Protein backbone atom coordinates (compact mmCIF):
# COMPACT_ATOMS: atom_id res chain seq x y z
CA UNK A 1 85.72 100.84 138.21
CA UNK A 2 87.19 97.35 139.21
CA UNK A 3 90.93 97.18 139.85
CA UNK A 4 92.62 94.46 137.68
CA UNK A 5 96.09 92.91 138.55
CA UNK A 6 99.15 94.18 136.84
CA UNK A 7 99.32 90.80 135.14
CA UNK A 8 96.19 90.92 133.50
CA UNK A 9 96.85 94.17 132.23
CA UNK A 10 100.11 93.25 130.77
CA UNK A 11 98.42 90.45 129.13
CA UNK A 12 95.73 92.44 127.72
CA UNK A 13 98.37 95.24 126.47
CA UNK A 14 100.75 92.37 124.84
CA UNK A 15 97.78 90.65 122.97
CA UNK A 16 96.68 94.36 121.57
CA UNK A 17 100.26 94.92 120.61
CA UNK A 18 100.66 91.80 118.61
CA UNK A 19 98.00 92.94 116.48
CA UNK A 20 95.91 89.64 116.58
CA UNK A 21 92.98 90.97 118.63
CA UNK A 22 91.01 94.27 118.80
CA UNK A 23 88.92 95.53 121.45
CA UNK A 24 85.95 93.38 121.05
CA UNK A 25 87.93 90.35 120.79
CA UNK A 26 89.98 90.92 123.81
CA UNK A 27 86.57 91.82 125.80
CA UNK A 28 85.44 88.31 124.81
CA UNK A 29 88.74 86.64 125.70
CA UNK A 30 88.87 88.29 129.12
CA UNK A 31 85.44 88.52 129.91
CA UNK A 32 85.58 92.29 130.21
CA UNK A 33 83.47 95.20 128.67
CA UNK A 34 85.07 96.71 125.56
CA UNK A 35 85.41 99.96 127.23
CA UNK A 36 87.57 98.57 130.15
CA UNK A 37 89.50 97.30 127.42
CA UNK A 38 89.59 100.22 125.84
CA UNK A 39 90.61 102.23 128.89
CA UNK A 40 93.53 99.51 129.95
CA UNK A 41 95.27 100.01 126.45
CA UNK A 42 94.77 103.61 126.22
CA UNK A 43 95.95 104.51 129.80
CA UNK A 44 98.82 102.11 129.55
CA UNK A 45 99.89 103.78 126.71
CA UNK A 46 99.93 107.18 127.94
CA UNK A 47 101.27 106.62 131.27
CA UNK A 48 104.57 107.73 131.83
CA UNK A 49 105.18 105.79 135.35
CA UNK A 50 103.94 102.65 133.46
CA UNK A 51 105.66 99.52 134.24
CA UNK A 52 104.10 98.26 131.10
CA UNK A 53 105.91 101.12 129.25
CA UNK A 54 108.76 99.16 128.20
CA UNK A 55 106.39 96.50 126.53
CA UNK A 56 104.64 99.02 124.61
CA UNK A 57 106.95 99.81 122.19
CA UNK A 58 107.58 103.44 121.88
CA UNK A 59 110.72 103.28 119.63
CA UNK A 60 109.87 104.26 115.96
CA UNK A 61 112.03 101.33 114.99
CA UNK A 62 109.66 98.39 114.29
CA UNK A 63 110.95 95.01 112.89
CA UNK A 64 108.37 93.34 110.18
CA UNK A 65 108.18 89.61 109.02
CA UNK A 66 109.37 89.19 105.76
CA UNK A 67 106.68 87.36 104.67
CA UNK A 68 104.64 90.39 105.64
CA UNK A 69 106.59 92.73 103.92
CA UNK A 70 106.58 90.97 100.86
CA UNK A 71 102.71 90.88 100.95
CA UNK A 72 102.46 94.77 101.87
CA UNK A 73 104.45 95.50 98.66
CA UNK A 74 102.43 93.37 96.40
CA UNK A 75 99.19 94.71 97.82
CA UNK A 76 100.57 98.27 97.05
CA UNK A 77 102.10 97.56 93.52
CA UNK A 78 98.67 96.08 92.48
CA UNK A 79 96.69 98.83 94.20
CA UNK A 80 99.22 101.77 92.37
CA UNK A 81 98.86 99.76 88.99
CA UNK A 82 94.82 99.78 89.56
CA UNK A 83 94.80 103.67 90.56
CA UNK A 84 96.96 104.29 87.39
CA UNK A 85 94.38 102.36 84.88
CA UNK A 86 91.40 103.99 86.69
CA UNK A 87 93.07 107.47 86.29
CA UNK A 88 93.87 106.67 82.67
CA UNK A 89 90.33 106.00 81.97
CA UNK A 90 88.72 108.72 83.73
CA UNK A 91 91.24 111.03 81.82
CA UNK A 92 90.13 109.36 78.50
CA UNK A 93 86.47 109.45 79.41
CA UNK A 94 86.65 113.50 80.09
CA UNK A 95 88.45 113.97 76.79
CA UNK A 96 85.76 111.98 75.09
CA UNK A 97 82.96 114.29 77.03
CA UNK A 98 84.99 117.42 75.97
CA UNK A 99 85.10 116.16 71.98
CA UNK A 100 81.40 115.52 72.08
CA UNK A 101 80.51 118.52 73.81
CA UNK A 102 82.51 120.60 70.75
CA UNK A 103 81.07 118.81 68.39
CA UNK A 104 77.64 119.37 69.76
CA UNK A 105 78.52 123.00 69.88
CA UNK A 106 79.82 123.12 66.27
CA UNK A 107 76.66 121.67 65.31
CA UNK A 108 74.52 124.01 67.19
CA UNK A 109 76.23 127.12 65.77
CA UNK A 110 76.13 125.37 61.79
CA UNK A 111 72.37 125.34 62.30
């Protein structure tokens, strides 16, 4: 495997950390294979003696953009509303089906 400079690895990890680029886009941007990009990122994340470790955020507190949070909140509200609607429809459909089956059974017993 070819050795890559620390600066290149650092830049790849920073681009990946921003969340704008995935492995495929980074491989096109830097002219490396997708597997090489993946190896660099995974190796840098897991290495204890890693000079990039301070750049790869390991603390659990993460700061989000307020606009992102608003968008995410709206998404999950809409998702929850649609899920409730879907579950309600499913419940009503099951009730209708049970009713139809019970009516059919009563008709069969009356014959």
